[in-house]
């Protein structure tokens, strides 16, 4: 049944969870990988679809796909 609540319709357009970009530092061989975040911390994530050194998108603790290797800039506003 479709909802007529405009707020619920808007929320349905936004993906659930937080998506972050990290660099894979190694595959563990058990279905998980080590990933280094931009702040330098290392986390364990589900999936081994990316080789070491590759940037990936991580959502809900799982590798969702590869990310482009783009430059990172910071600007103070």
C-alpha atoms as a PDB file:
ATOM      1  CA  UNK A   1       0.000   0.000   0.000  1.00  0.00           C
ATOM      2  CA  UNK A   2       1.457   3.342  -1.030  1.00  0.00           C
ATOM      3  CA  UNK A   3       1.627   6.050   1.605  1.00  0.00           C
ATOM      4  CA  UNK A   4       0.346   9.567   1.039  1.00  0.00           C
ATOM      5  CA  UNK A   5       2.545  10.985   3.814  1.00  0.00           C
ATOM      6  CA  UNK A   6       5.017  13.213   1.967  1.00  0.00           C
ATOM      7  CA  UNK A   7       7.639  12.905   4.738  1.00  0.00           C
ATOM      8  CA  UNK A   8       7.599   9.099   4.480  1.00  0.00           C
ATOM      9  CA  UNK A   9       7.928   9.348   0.691  1.00  0.00           C
ATOM     10  CA  UNK A  10      10.936  11.659   1.095  1.00  0.00           C
ATOM     11  CA  UNK A  11      12.595   9.358   3.664  1.00  0.00           C
ATOM     12  CA  UNK A  12      12.198   6.430   1.246  1.00  0.00           C
ATOM     13  CA  UNK A  13      14.477   8.262  -1.223  1.00  0.00           C
ATOM     14  CA  UNK A  14      17.385   8.457   1.241  1.00  0.00           C
ATOM     15  CA  UNK A  15      19.461   5.281   1.684  1.00  0.00           C
ATOM     16  CA  UNK A  16      19.618   3.840   5.201  1.00  0.00           C
ATOM     17  CA  UNK A  17      22.905   3.815   7.107  1.00  0.00           C
ATOM     18  CA  UNK A  18      26.088   5.786   6.754  1.00  0.00           C
ATOM     19  CA  UNK A  19      28.354   5.261   3.748  1.00  0.00           C
ATOM     20  CA  UNK A  20      32.064   5.907   4.254  1.00  0.00           C
ATOM     21  CA  UNK A  21      35.146   5.635   2.059  1.00  0.00           C
ATOM     22  CA  UNK A  22      38.113   3.586   3.290  1.00  0.00           C
ATOM     23  CA  UNK A  23      41.259   1.950   1.899  1.00  0.00           C
ATOM     24  CA  UNK A  24      41.578  -1.817   2.121  1.00  0.00           C
ATOM     25  CA  UNK A  25      44.824  -2.773   3.878  1.00  0.00           C
ATOM     26  CA  UNK A  26      44.417  -6.538   3.638  1.00  0.00           C
ATOM     27  CA  UNK A  27      42.045  -9.471   3.218  1.00  0.00           C
ATOM     28  CA  UNK A  28      41.781 -11.823   6.202  1.00  0.00           C
ATOM     29  CA  UNK A  29      40.835 -14.975   4.270  1.00  0.00           C
ATOM     30  CA  UNK A  30      37.693 -15.579   6.333  1.00  0.00           C
ATOM     31  CA  UNK A  31      35.262 -13.306   4.504  1.00  0.00           C
ATOM     32  CA  UNK A  32      36.467 -10.103   6.176  1.00  0.00           C
ATOM     33  CA  UNK A  33      38.974  -7.387   5.339  1.00  0.00           C
ATOM     34  CA  UNK A  34      40.942  -4.730   7.203  1.00  0.00           C
ATOM     35  CA  UNK A  35      40.145  -1.184   6.127  1.00  0.00           C
ATOM     36  CA  UNK A  36      41.862   2.074   7.055  1.00  0.00           C
ATOM     37  CA  UNK A  37      39.625   5.101   7.451  1.00  0.00           C
ATOM     38  CA  UNK A  38      40.658   8.632   6.469  1.00  0.00           C
ATOM     39  CA  UNK A  39      41.407   9.484  10.108  1.00  0.00           C
ATOM     40  CA  UNK A  40      43.931   6.609  10.292  1.00  0.00           C
ATOM     41  CA  UNK A  41      41.913   4.135  12.370  1.00  0.00           C
ATOM     42  CA  UNK A  42      41.635   0.539  11.164  1.00  0.00           C
ATOM     43  CA  UNK A  43      38.385  -1.438  11.194  1.00  0.00           C
ATOM     44  CA  UNK A  44      37.337  -4.945  10.182  1.00  0.00           C
ATOM     45  CA  UNK A  45      34.583  -5.117   7.555  1.00  0.00           C
ATOM     46  CA  UNK A  46      32.612  -7.900   5.870  1.00  0.00           C
ATOM     47  CA  UNK A  47      33.688  -8.831   2.350  1.00  0.00           C
ATOM     48  CA  UNK A  48      36.859  -9.539   0.413  1.00  0.00           C
ATOM     49  CA  UNK A  49      35.845  -8.197  -2.982  1.00  0.00           C
ATOM     50  CA  UNK A  50      38.591  -5.548  -3.125  1.00  0.00           C
ATOM     51  CA  UNK A  51      42.361  -6.096  -3.079  1.00  0.00           C
ATOM     52  CA  UNK A  52      44.718  -4.315  -0.689  1.00  0.00           C
ATOM     53  CA  UNK A  53      45.321  -0.673  -1.593  1.00  0.00           C
ATOM     54  CA  UNK A  54      41.904  -0.200  -3.206  1.00  0.00           C
ATOM     55  CA  UNK A  55      39.400   2.416  -1.981  1.00  0.00           C
ATOM     56  CA  UNK A  56      35.921   1.100  -1.216  1.00  0.00           C
ATOM     57  CA  UNK A  57      32.513   2.270  -0.031  1.00  0.00           C
ATOM     58  CA  UNK A  58      31.533   0.741   3.319  1.00  0.00           C
ATOM     59  CA  UNK A  59      27.951   0.739   4.567  1.00  0.00           C
ATOM     60  CA  UNK A  60      26.758  -0.980   7.750  1.00  0.00           C
ATOM     61  CA  UNK A  61      30.159  -2.649   8.204  1.00  0.00           C
ATOM     62  CA  UNK A  62      30.160  -4.260   4.756  1.00  0.00           C
ATOM     63  CA  UNK A  63      32.002  -3.477   1.500  1.00  0.00           C
ATOM     64  CA  UNK A  64      29.394  -2.199  -0.967  1.00  0.00           C
ATOM     65  CA  UNK A  65      31.655  -1.418  -3.928  1.00  0.00           C
ATOM     66  CA  UNK A  66      34.852   0.197  -5.122  1.00  0.00           C
ATOM     67  CA  UNK A  67      35.366   3.944  -4.845  1.00  0.00           C
ATOM     68  CA  UNK A  68      37.378   6.171  -7.194  1.00  0.00           C
ATOM     69  CA  UNK A  69      40.815   7.307  -6.036  1.00  0.00           C
ATOM     70  CA  UNK A  70      40.301  11.058  -5.969  1.00  0.00           C
ATOM     71  CA  UNK A  71      42.271  13.794  -4.254  1.00  0.00           C
ATOM     72  CA  UNK A  72      41.113  14.966  -0.852  1.00  0.00           C
ATOM     73  CA  UNK A  73      40.956  18.641   0.015  1.00  0.00           C
ATOM     74  CA  UNK A  74      39.987  20.491   3.161  1.00  0.00           C
ATOM     75  CA  UNK A  75      38.698  24.048   3.294  1.00  0.00           C
ATOM     76  CA  UNK A  76      37.950  26.166   6.319  1.00  0.00           C
ATOM     77  CA  UNK A  77      34.762  28.162   6.043  1.00  0.00           C
END
